[in-house]
Amino acid sequence: TVPVEEADARLRALLAAESAGQQDPLVAALHAFSDFALID
């Protein structure tokens, strides 16, 4: 499991990765958040 203290950095990294490959910022945020929500 991942320490809760890493949650902010994890979401930011997922959003950056999705934003780099996605033209639509909303779709990038939705994809990043759905991946973020699955982190244990």
PDB file of all heavy atoms in Angstrom:
ATOM      1  N   THR A   1       0.841  -1.184   0.000  1.00  0.00           N
ATOM      2  CA  THR A   1       0.000   0.000   0.000  1.00  0.00           C
ATOM      3  C   THR A   1       0.883   1.243   0.000  1.00  0.00           C
ATOM      4  O   THR A   1       2.030   1.204   0.422  1.00  0.00           O
ATOM      5  CB  THR A   1      -0.945   0.017   1.222  1.00  0.00           C
ATOM      6  OG1 THR A   1      -0.166  -0.039   2.407  1.00  0.00           O
ATOM      7  CG2 THR A   1      -1.916  -1.150   1.177  1.00  0.00           C
ATOM      8  N   VAL A   2       0.305   2.316  -0.482  1.00  0.00           N
ATOM      9  CA  VAL A   2       1.026   3.575  -0.636  1.00  0.00           C
ATOM     10  C   VAL A   2       0.663   4.490   0.538  1.00  0.00           C
ATOM     11  O   VAL A   2      -0.518   4.615   0.882  1.00  0.00           O
ATOM     12  CB  VAL A   2       0.636   4.243  -1.974  1.00  0.00           C
ATOM     13  CG1 VAL A   2       1.300   5.597  -2.130  1.00  0.00           C
ATOM     14  CG2 VAL A   2       0.950   3.321  -3.140  1.00  0.00           C
ATOM     15  N   PRO A   3       1.640   5.145   1.167  1.00  0.00           N
ATOM     16  CA  PRO A   3       1.314   6.086   2.243  1.00  0.00           C
ATOM     17  C   PRO A   3       0.418   7.218   1.735  1.00  0.00           C
ATOM     18  O   PRO A   3       0.622   7.735   0.630  1.00  0.00           O
ATOM     19  CB  PRO A   3       2.677   6.632   2.678  1.00  0.00           C
ATOM     20  CG  PRO A   3       3.673   5.643   2.187  1.00  0.00           C
ATOM     21  CD  PRO A   3       3.094   5.034   0.954  1.00  0.00           C
ATOM     22  N   VAL A   4      -0.561   7.601   2.531  1.00  0.00           N
ATOM     23  CA  VAL A   4      -1.486   8.679   2.164  1.00  0.00           C
ATOM     24  C   VAL A   4      -0.717   9.967   1.852  1.00  0.00           C
ATOM     25  O   VAL A   4      -1.124  10.745   0.994  1.00  0.00           O
ATOM     26  CB  VAL A   4      -2.528   8.900   3.285  1.00  0.00           C
ATOM     27  CG1 VAL A   4      -3.344  10.153   3.046  1.00  0.00           C
ATOM     28  CG2 VAL A   4      -3.441   7.683   3.399  1.00  0.00           C
ATOM     29  N   GLU A   5       0.405  10.163   2.501  1.00  0.00           N
ATOM     30  CA  GLU A   5       1.206  11.375   2.278  1.00  0.00           C
ATOM     31  C   GLU A   5       1.690  11.500   0.832  1.00  0.00           C
ATOM     32  O   GLU A   5       2.076  12.580   0.402  1.00  0.00           O
ATOM     33  CB  GLU A   5       2.413  11.404   3.231  1.00  0.00           C
ATOM     34  CG  GLU A   5       2.040  11.533   4.696  1.00  0.00           C
ATOM     35  CD  GLU A   5       1.543  10.229   5.323  1.00  0.00           C
ATOM     36  OE1 GLU A   5       1.759   9.138   4.755  1.00  0.00           O
ATOM     37  OE2 GLU A   5       0.912  10.309   6.389  1.00  0.00           O
ATOM     38  N   GLU A   6       1.659  10.417   0.076  1.00  0.00           N
ATOM     39  CA  GLU A   6       2.069  10.440  -1.333  1.00  0.00           C
ATOM     40  C   GLU A   6       0.906  10.709  -2.290  1.00  0.00           C
ATOM     41  O   GLU A   6       1.093  10.772  -3.504  1.00  0.00           O
ATOM     42  CB  GLU A   6       2.734   9.117  -1.713  1.00  0.00           C
ATOM     43  CG  GLU A   6       4.054   8.862  -1.028  1.00  0.00           C
ATOM     44  CD  GLU A   6       4.703   7.566  -1.466  1.00  0.00           C
ATOM     45  OE1 GLU A   6       4.367   7.050  -2.563  1.00  0.00           O
ATOM     46  OE2 GLU A   6       5.549   7.059  -0.715  1.00  0.00           O
ATOM     47  N   ALA A   7      -0.302  10.866  -1.758  1.00  0.00           N
ATOM     48  CA  ALA A   7      -1.488  10.989  -2.612  1.00  0.00           C
ATOM     49  C   ALA A   7      -1.412  12.197  -3.545  1.00  0.00           C
ATOM     50  O   ALA A   7      -1.710  12.088  -4.742  1.00  0.00           O
ATOM     51  CB  ALA A   7      -2.749  11.049  -1.755  1.00  0.00           C
ATOM     52  N   ASP A   8      -1.023  13.344  -3.030  1.00  0.00           N
ATOM     53  CA  ASP A   8      -0.942  14.552  -3.851  1.00  0.00           C
ATOM     54  C   ASP A   8       0.017  14.339  -5.022  1.00  0.00           C
ATOM     55  O   ASP A   8      -0.326  14.616  -6.180  1.00  0.00           O
ATOM     56  CB  ASP A   8      -0.492  15.729  -2.984  1.00  0.00           C
ATOM     57  CG  ASP A   8      -0.358  17.016  -3.776  1.00  0.00           C
ATOM     58  OD1 ASP A   8      -1.367  17.716  -3.955  1.00  0.00           O
ATOM     59  OD2 ASP A   8       0.779  17.318  -4.217  1.00  0.00           O
ATOM     60  N   ALA A   9       1.201  13.841  -4.743  1.00  0.00           N
ATOM     61  CA  ALA A   9       2.204  13.621  -5.795  1.00  0.00           C
ATOM     62  C   ALA A   9       1.716  12.600  -6.815  1.00  0.00           C
ATOM     63  O   ALA A   9       1.961  12.750  -8.020  1.00  0.00           O
ATOM     64  CB  ALA A   9       3.528  13.178  -5.182  1.00  0.00           C
ATOM     65  N   ARG A  10       1.037  11.563  -6.352  1.00  0.00           N
ATOM     66  CA  ARG A  10       0.527  10.536  -7.272  1.00  0.00           C
ATOM     67  C   ARG A  10      -0.508  11.114  -8.227  1.00  0.00           C
ATOM     68  O   ARG A  10      -0.479  10.842  -9.429  1.00  0.00           O
ATOM     69  CB  ARG A  10      -0.069   9.364  -6.489  1.00  0.00           C
ATOM     70  CG  ARG A  10       0.933   8.562  -5.685  1.00  0.00           C
ATOM     71  CD  ARG A  10       1.838   7.740  -6.612  1.00  0.00           C
ATOM     72  NE  ARG A  10       2.789   6.954  -5.871  1.00  0.00           N
ATOM     73  CZ  ARG A  10       2.777   5.637  -5.797  1.00  0.00           C
ATOM     74  NH1 ARG A  10       1.872   4.949  -6.435  1.00  0.00           N
ATOM     75  NH2 ARG A  10       3.699   5.008  -5.097  1.00  0.00           N
ATOM     76  N   LEU A  11      -1.456  11.910  -7.700  1.00  0.00           N
ATOM     77  CA  LEU A  11      -2.471  12.499  -8.579  1.00  0.00           C
ATOM     78  C   LEU A  11      -1.825  13.462  -9.572  1.00  0.00           C
ATOM     79  O   LEU A  11      -2.152  13.456 -10.759  1.00  0.00           O
ATOM     80  CB  LEU A  11      -3.562  13.204  -7.774  1.00  0.00           C
ATOM     81  CG  LEU A  11      -4.666  13.862  -8.614  1.00  0.00           C
ATOM     82  CD1 LEU A  11      -5.322  12.871  -9.579  1.00  0.00           C
ATOM     83  CD2 LEU A  11      -5.708  14.506  -7.710  1.00  0.00           C
ATOM     84  N   ARG A  12      -0.901  14.269  -9.112  1.00  0.00           N
ATOM     85  CA  ARG A  12      -0.221  15.207 -10.016  1.00  0.00           C
ATOM     86  C   ARG A  12       0.520  14.470 -11.135  1.00  0.00           C
ATOM     87  O   ARG A  12       0.487  14.888 -12.297  1.00  0.00           O
ATOM     88  CB  ARG A  12       0.738  16.102  -9.241  1.00  0.00           C
ATOM     89  CG  ARG A  12       0.036  17.127  -8.378  1.00  0.00           C
ATOM     90  CD  ARG A  12       1.027  17.956  -7.553  1.00  0.00           C
ATOM     91  NE  ARG A  12       0.342  18.773  -6.587  1.00  0.00           N
ATOM     92  CZ  ARG A  12      -0.207  19.961  -6.849  1.00  0.00           C
ATOM     93  NH1 ARG A  12      -0.113  20.466  -8.071  1.00  0.00           N
ATOM     94  NH2 ARG A  12      -0.819  20.645  -5.905  1.00  0.00           N
ATOM     95  N   ALA A  13       1.202  13.382 -10.797  1.00  0.00           N
ATOM     96  CA  ALA A  13       1.938  12.609 -11.804  1.00  0.00           C
ATOM     97  C   ALA A  13       0.982  11.979 -12.818  1.00  0.00           C
ATOM     98  O   ALA A  13       1.248  12.003 -14.027  1.00  0.00           O
ATOM     99  CB  ALA A  13       2.787  11.533 -11.121  1.00  0.00           C
ATOM    100  N   LEU A  14      -0.129  11.431 -12.337  1.00  0.00           N
ATOM    101  CA  LEU A  14      -1.108  10.834 -13.251  1.00  0.00           C
ATOM    102  C   LEU A  14      -1.717  11.894 -14.166  1.00  0.00           C
ATOM    103  O   LEU A  14      -1.889  11.662 -15.364  1.00  0.00           O
ATOM    104  CB  LEU A  14      -2.204  10.115 -12.463  1.00  0.00           C
ATOM    105  CG  LEU A  14      -1.786   8.829 -11.766  1.00  0.00           C
ATOM    106  CD1 LEU A  14      -2.835   8.404 -10.744  1.00  0.00           C
ATOM    107  CD2 LEU A  14      -1.552   7.724 -12.797  1.00  0.00           C
ATOM    108  N   LEU A  15      -2.018  13.060 -13.615  1.00  0.00           N
ATOM    109  CA  LEU A  15      -2.592  14.140 -14.424  1.00  0.00           C
ATOM    110  C   LEU A  15      -1.591  14.630 -15.466  1.00  0.00           C
ATOM    111  O   LEU A  15      -1.951  14.856 -16.621  1.00  0.00           O
ATOM    112  CB  LEU A  15      -3.050  15.291 -13.529  1.00  0.00           C
ATOM    113  CG  LEU A  15      -3.738  16.451 -14.242  1.00  0.00           C
ATOM    114  CD1 LEU A  15      -4.983  15.983 -14.991  1.00  0.00           C
ATOM    115  CD2 LEU A  15      -4.090  17.543 -13.235  1.00  0.00           C
ATOM    116  N   ALA A  16      -0.337  14.755 -15.077  1.00  0.00           N
ATOM    117  CA  ALA A  16       0.694  15.190 -16.034  1.00  0.00           C
ATOM    118  C   ALA A  16       0.834  14.180 -17.171  1.00  0.00           C
ATOM    119  O   ALA A  16       0.928  14.561 -18.339  1.00  0.00           O
ATOM    120  CB  ALA A  16       2.027  15.380 -15.323  1.00  0.00           C
ATOM    121  N   ALA A  17       0.835  12.904 -16.841  1.00  0.00           N
ATOM    122  CA  ALA A  17       0.969  11.858 -17.870  1.00  0.00           C
ATOM    123  C   ALA A  17      -0.240  11.859 -18.801  1.00  0.00           C
ATOM    124  O   ALA A  17      -0.086  11.767 -20.028  1.00  0.00           O
ATOM    125  CB  ALA A  17       1.134  10.494 -17.212  1.00  0.00           C
ATOM    126  N   GLU A  18      -1.433  11.975 -18.247  1.00  0.00           N
ATOM    127  CA  GLU A  18      -2.647  11.994 -19.079  1.00  0.00           C
ATOM    128  C   GLU A  18      -2.707  13.258 -19.931  1.00  0.00           C
ATOM    129  O   GLU A  18      -3.104  13.213 -21.090  1.00  0.00           O
ATOM    130  CB  GLU A  18      -3.904  11.900 -18.212  1.00  0.00           C
ATOM    131  CG  GLU A  18      -4.198  10.533 -17.690  1.00  0.00           C
ATOM    132  CD  GLU A  18      -4.594   9.535 -18.777  1.00  0.00           C
ATOM    133  OE1 GLU A  18      -5.092   9.929 -19.853  1.00  0.00           O
ATOM    134  OE2 GLU A  18      -4.379   8.337 -18.534  1.00  0.00           O
ATOM    135  N   SER A  19      -2.316  14.387 -19.361  1.00  0.00           N
ATOM    136  CA  SER A  19      -2.370  15.655 -20.092  1.00  0.00           C
ATOM    137  C   SER A  19      -1.401  15.666 -21.267  1.00  0.00           C
ATOM    138  O   SER A  19      -1.676  16.277 -22.297  1.00  0.00           O
ATOM    139  CB  SER A  19      -2.061  16.820 -19.149  1.00  0.00           C
ATOM    140  OG  SER A  19      -3.055  16.915 -18.160  1.00  0.00           O
ATOM    141  N   ALA A  20      -0.278  14.971 -21.122  1.00  0.00           N
ATOM    142  CA  ALA A  20       0.712  14.924 -22.206  1.00  0.00           C
ATOM    143  C   ALA A  20       0.180  14.174 -23.415  1.00  0.00           C
ATOM    144  O   ALA A  20       0.531  14.493 -24.542  1.00  0.00           O
ATOM    145  CB  ALA A  20       2.000  14.266 -21.703  1.00  0.00           C
ATOM    146  N   GLY A  21      -0.698  13.209 -23.186  1.00  0.00           N
ATOM    147  CA  GLY A  21      -1.206  12.418 -24.303  1.00  0.00           C
ATOM    148  C   GLY A  21      -2.637  12.725 -24.674  1.00  0.00           C
ATOM    149  O   GLY A  21      -3.231  12.024 -25.481  1.00  0.00           O
ATOM    150  N   GLN A  22      -3.220  13.766 -24.101  1.00  0.00           N
ATOM    151  CA  GLN A  22      -4.643  14.047 -24.293  1.00  0.00           C
ATOM    152  C   GLN A  22      -4.851  15.527 -24.580  1.00  0.00           C
ATOM    153  O   GLN A  22      -4.364  16.370 -23.851  1.00  0.00           O
ATOM    154  CB  GLN A  22      -5.388  13.647 -23.012  1.00  0.00           C
ATOM    155  CG  GLN A  22      -6.853  13.896 -22.980  1.00  0.00           C
ATOM    156  CD  GLN A  22      -7.627  13.182 -24.059  1.00  0.00           C
ATOM    157  OE1 GLN A  22      -8.135  13.831 -24.963  1.00  0.00           O
ATOM    158  NE2 GLN A  22      -7.690  11.883 -23.998  1.00  0.00           N
ATOM    159  N   GLN A  23      -5.587  15.822 -25.628  1.00  0.00           N
ATOM    160  CA  GLN A  23      -5.852  17.215 -25.986  1.00  0.00           C
ATOM    161  C   GLN A  23      -6.905  17.853 -25.094  1.00  0.00           C
ATOM    162  O   GLN A  23      -6.857  19.042 -24.842  1.00  0.00           O
ATOM    163  CB  GLN A  23      -6.320  17.276 -27.441  1.00  0.00           C
ATOM    164  CG  GLN A  23      -5.325  16.706 -28.400  1.00  0.00           C
ATOM    165  CD  GLN A  23      -4.802  17.757 -29.333  1.00  0.00           C
ATOM    166  OE1 GLN A  23      -5.464  18.741 -29.608  1.00  0.00           O
ATOM    167  NE2 GLN A  23      -3.603  17.569 -29.828  1.00  0.00           N
ATOM    168  N   ASP A  24      -7.856  17.073 -24.596  1.00  0.00           N
ATOM    169  CA  ASP A  24      -8.960  17.602 -23.800  1.00  0.00           C
ATOM    170  C   ASP A  24      -8.608  17.541 -22.315  1.00  0.00           C
ATOM    171  O   ASP A  24      -8.470  16.452 -21.754  1.00  0.00           O
ATOM    172  CB  ASP A  24     -10.220  16.783 -24.085  1.00  0.00           C
ATOM    173  CG  ASP A  24     -11.438  17.303 -23.358  1.00  0.00           C
ATOM    174  OD1 ASP A  24     -11.296  18.098 -22.413  1.00  0.00           O
ATOM    175  OD2 ASP A  24     -12.551  16.904 -23.745  1.00  0.00           O
ATOM    176  N   PRO A  25      -8.454  18.700 -21.656  1.00  0.00           N
ATOM    177  CA  PRO A  25      -8.078  18.708 -20.242  1.00  0.00           C
ATOM    178  C   PRO A  25      -9.075  17.989 -19.328  1.00  0.00           C
ATOM    179  O   PRO A  25      -8.684  17.377 -18.337  1.00  0.00           O
ATOM    180  CB  PRO A  25      -8.003  20.195 -19.884  1.00  0.00           C
ATOM    181  CG  PRO A  25      -7.834  20.886 -21.195  1.00  0.00           C
ATOM    182  CD  PRO A  25      -8.531  20.048 -22.207  1.00  0.00           C
ATOM    183  N   LEU A  26     -10.370  18.056 -19.647  1.00  0.00           N
ATOM    184  CA  LEU A  26     -11.372  17.378 -18.826  1.00  0.00           C
ATOM    185  C   LEU A  26     -11.207  15.868 -18.924  1.00  0.00           C
ATOM    186  O   LEU A  26     -11.213  15.159 -17.912  1.00  0.00           O
ATOM    187  CB  LEU A  26     -12.790  17.798 -19.229  1.00  0.00           C
ATOM    188  CG  LEU A  26     -13.923  17.084 -18.492  1.00  0.00           C
ATOM    189  CD1 LEU A  26     -13.827  17.319 -16.980  1.00  0.00           C
ATOM    190  CD2 LEU A  26     -15.273  17.526 -19.037  1.00  0.00           C
ATOM    191  N   VAL A  27     -11.042  15.364 -20.117  1.00  0.00           N
ATOM    192  CA  VAL A  27     -10.852  13.914 -20.305  1.00  0.00           C
ATOM    193  C   VAL A  27      -9.570  13.470 -19.610  1.00  0.00           C
ATOM    194  O   VAL A  27      -9.538  12.418 -18.959  1.00  0.00           O
ATOM    195  CB  VAL A  27     -10.850  13.549 -21.807  1.00  0.00           C
ATOM    196  CG1 VAL A  27     -10.452  12.094 -22.029  1.00  0.00           C
ATOM    197  CG2 VAL A  27     -12.224  13.825 -22.412  1.00  0.00           C
ATOM    198  N   ALA A  28      -8.515  14.258 -19.707  1.00  0.00           N
ATOM    199  CA  ALA A  28      -7.263  13.925 -19.021  1.00  0.00           C
ATOM    200  C   ALA A  28      -7.485  13.853 -17.512  1.00  0.00           C
ATOM    201  O   ALA A  28      -7.012  12.919 -16.849  1.00  0.00           O
ATOM    202  CB  ALA A  28      -6.185  14.958 -19.352  1.00  0.00           C
ATOM    203  N   ALA A  29      -8.211  14.817 -16.947  1.00  0.00           N
ATOM    204  CA  ALA A  29      -8.475  14.817 -15.504  1.00  0.00           C
ATOM    205  C   ALA A  29      -9.323  13.616 -15.104  1.00  0.00           C
ATOM    206  O   ALA A  29      -9.053  12.976 -14.072  1.00  0.00           O
ATOM    207  CB  ALA A  29      -9.163  16.117 -15.101  1.00  0.00           C
ATOM    208  N   LEU A  30     -10.323  13.284 -15.896  1.00  0.00           N
ATOM    209  CA  LEU A  30     -11.174  12.126 -15.576  1.00  0.00           C
ATOM    210  C   LEU A  30     -10.376  10.828 -15.616  1.00  0.00           C
ATOM    211  O   LEU A  30     -10.505   9.985 -14.719  1.00  0.00           O
ATOM    212  CB  LEU A  30     -12.368  12.061 -16.538  1.00  0.00           C
ATOM    213  CG  LEU A  30     -13.393  13.187 -16.409  1.00  0.00           C
ATOM    214  CD1 LEU A  30     -14.387  13.134 -17.557  1.00  0.00           C
ATOM    215  CD2 LEU A  30     -14.105  13.141 -15.063  1.00  0.00           C
ATOM    216  N   HIS A  31      -9.549  10.654 -16.629  1.00  0.00           N
ATOM    217  CA  HIS A  31      -8.718   9.447 -16.722  1.00  0.00           C
ATOM    218  C   HIS A  31      -7.732   9.373 -15.558  1.00  0.00           C
ATOM    219  O   HIS A  31      -7.556   8.313 -14.951  1.00  0.00           O
ATOM    220  CB  HIS A  31      -7.967   9.400 -18.036  1.00  0.00           C
ATOM    221  CG  HIS A  31      -8.824   9.071 -19.210  1.00  0.00           C
ATOM    222  ND1 HIS A  31      -8.362   9.093 -20.499  1.00  0.00           N
ATOM    223  CD2 HIS A  31     -10.128   8.718 -19.310  1.00  0.00           C
ATOM    224  CE1 HIS A  31      -9.329   8.772 -21.332  1.00  0.00           C
ATOM    225  NE2 HIS A  31     -10.414   8.544 -20.635  1.00  0.00           N
ATOM    226  N   ALA A  32      -7.076  10.497 -15.275  1.00  0.00           N
ATOM    227  CA  ALA A  32      -6.102  10.510 -14.178  1.00  0.00           C
ATOM    228  C   ALA A  32      -6.782  10.181 -12.853  1.00  0.00           C
ATOM    229  O   ALA A  32      -6.252   9.390 -12.057  1.00  0.00           O
ATOM    230  CB  ALA A  32      -5.419  11.880 -14.099  1.00  0.00           C
ATOM    231  N   PHE A  33      -7.948  10.752 -12.617  1.00  0.00           N
ATOM    232  CA  PHE A  33      -8.625  10.510 -11.344  1.00  0.00           C
ATOM    233  C   PHE A  33      -9.098   9.063 -11.238  1.00  0.00           C
ATOM    234  O   PHE A  33      -9.008   8.465 -10.158  1.00  0.00           O
ATOM    235  CB  PHE A  33      -9.803  11.465 -11.140  1.00  0.00           C
ATOM    236  CG  PHE A  33     -10.381  11.354  -9.764  1.00  0.00           C
ATOM    237  CD1 PHE A  33      -9.755  11.980  -8.686  1.00  0.00           C
ATOM    238  CD2 PHE A  33     -11.521  10.606  -9.516  1.00  0.00           C
ATOM    239  CE1 PHE A  33     -10.256  11.855  -7.404  1.00  0.00           C
ATOM    240  CE2 PHE A  33     -12.034  10.485  -8.240  1.00  0.00           C
ATOM    241  CZ  PHE A  33     -11.402  11.110  -7.177  1.00  0.00           C
ATOM    242  N   SER A  34      -9.587   8.498 -12.323  1.00  0.00           N
ATOM    243  CA  SER A  34     -10.044   7.102 -12.236  1.00  0.00           C
ATOM    244  C   SER A  34      -8.868   6.172 -11.945  1.00  0.00           C
ATOM    245  O   SER A  34      -9.021   5.200 -11.197  1.00  0.00           O
ATOM    246  CB  SER A  34     -10.802   6.681 -13.500  1.00  0.00           C
ATOM    247  OG  SER A  34      -9.958   6.647 -14.619  1.00  0.00           O
ATOM    248  N   ASP A  35      -7.687   6.466 -12.473  1.00  0.00           N
ATOM    249  CA  ASP A  35      -6.492   5.683 -12.131  1.00  0.00           C
ATOM    250  C   ASP A  35      -6.073   5.943 -10.678  1.00  0.00           C
ATOM    251  O   ASP A  35      -5.704   5.019  -9.954  1.00  0.00           O
ATOM    252  CB  ASP A  35      -5.328   6.027 -13.065  1.00  0.00           C
ATOM    253  CG  ASP A  35      -5.538   5.508 -14.481  1.00  0.00           C
ATOM    254  OD1 ASP A  35      -6.412   4.643 -14.695  1.00  0.00           O
ATOM    255  OD2 ASP A  35      -4.826   5.995 -15.382  1.00  0.00           O
ATOM    256  N   PHE A  36      -6.139   7.193 -10.257  1.00  0.00           N
ATOM    257  CA  PHE A  36      -5.783   7.584  -8.894  1.00  0.00           C
ATOM    258  C   PHE A  36      -6.678   6.871  -7.867  1.00  0.00           C
ATOM    259  O   PHE A  36      -6.212   6.436  -6.812  1.00  0.00           O
ATOM    260  CB  PHE A  36      -5.910   9.101  -8.775  1.00  0.00           C
ATOM    261  CG  PHE A  36      -5.697   9.668  -7.408  1.00  0.00           C
ATOM    262  CD1 PHE A  36      -4.451   9.592  -6.792  1.00  0.00           C
ATOM    263  CD2 PHE A  36      -6.728  10.309  -6.740  1.00  0.00           C
ATOM    264  CE1 PHE A  36      -4.250  10.138  -5.526  1.00  0.00           C
ATOM    265  CE2 PHE A  36      -6.529  10.859  -5.488  1.00  0.00           C
ATOM    266  CZ  PHE A  36      -5.290  10.770  -4.874  1.00  0.00           C
ATOM    267  N   ALA A  37      -7.948   6.758  -8.183  1.00  0.00           N
ATOM    268  CA  ALA A  37      -8.904   6.150  -7.254  1.00  0.00           C
ATOM    269  C   ALA A  37      -8.619   4.669  -7.025  1.00  0.00           C
ATOM    270  O   ALA A  37      -9.046   4.103  -6.019  1.00  0.00           O
ATOM    271  CB  ALA A  37     -10.328   6.330  -7.774  1.00  0.00           C
ATOM    272  N   LEU A  38      -7.891   4.040  -7.931  1.00  0.00           N
ATOM    273  CA  LEU A  38      -7.591   2.610  -7.797  1.00  0.00           C
ATOM    274  C   LEU A  38      -6.322   2.333  -7.001  1.00  0.00           C
ATOM    275  O   LEU A  38      -6.027   1.182  -6.686  1.00  0.00           O
ATOM    276  CB  LEU A  38      -7.493   1.973  -9.184  1.00  0.00           C
ATOM    277  CG  LEU A  38      -8.789   2.022 -10.007  1.00  0.00           C
ATOM    278  CD1 LEU A  38      -8.548   1.465 -11.403  1.00  0.00           C
ATOM    279  CD2 LEU A  38      -9.918   1.289  -9.300  1.00  0.00           C
ATOM    280  N   ILE A  39      -5.572   3.367  -6.648  1.00  0.00           N
ATOM    281  CA  ILE A  39      -4.350   3.177  -5.856  1.00  0.00           C
ATOM    282  C   ILE A  39      -4.749   2.765  -4.445  1.00  0.00           C
ATOM    283  O   ILE A  39      -5.643   3.345  -3.831  1.00  0.00           O
ATOM    284  CB  ILE A  39      -3.505   4.468  -5.822  1.00  0.00           C
ATOM    285  CG1 ILE A  39      -3.017   4.817  -7.235  1.00  0.00           C
ATOM    286  CG2 ILE A  39      -2.323   4.317  -4.861  1.00  0.00           C
ATOM    287  CD1 ILE A  39      -2.325   6.168  -7.340  1.00  0.00           C
ATOM    288  N   ASP A  40      -4.070   1.768  -3.926  1.00  0.00           N
ATOM    289  CA  ASP A  40      -4.348   1.245  -2.597  1.00  0.00           C
ATOM    290  C   ASP A  40      -3.501   2.006  -1.572  1.00  0.00           C
ATOM    291  O   ASP A  40      -2.337   1.692  -1.364  1.00  0.00           O
ATOM    292  CB  ASP A  40      -4.041  -0.252  -2.557  1.00  0.00           C
ATOM    293  CG  ASP A  40      -4.494  -0.910  -1.280  1.00  0.00           C
ATOM    294  OD1 ASP A  40      -5.284  -0.306  -0.530  1.00  0.00           O
ATOM    295  OD2 ASP A  40      -4.060  -2.052  -1.023  1.00  0.00           O
TER     296      ASP A  40
END
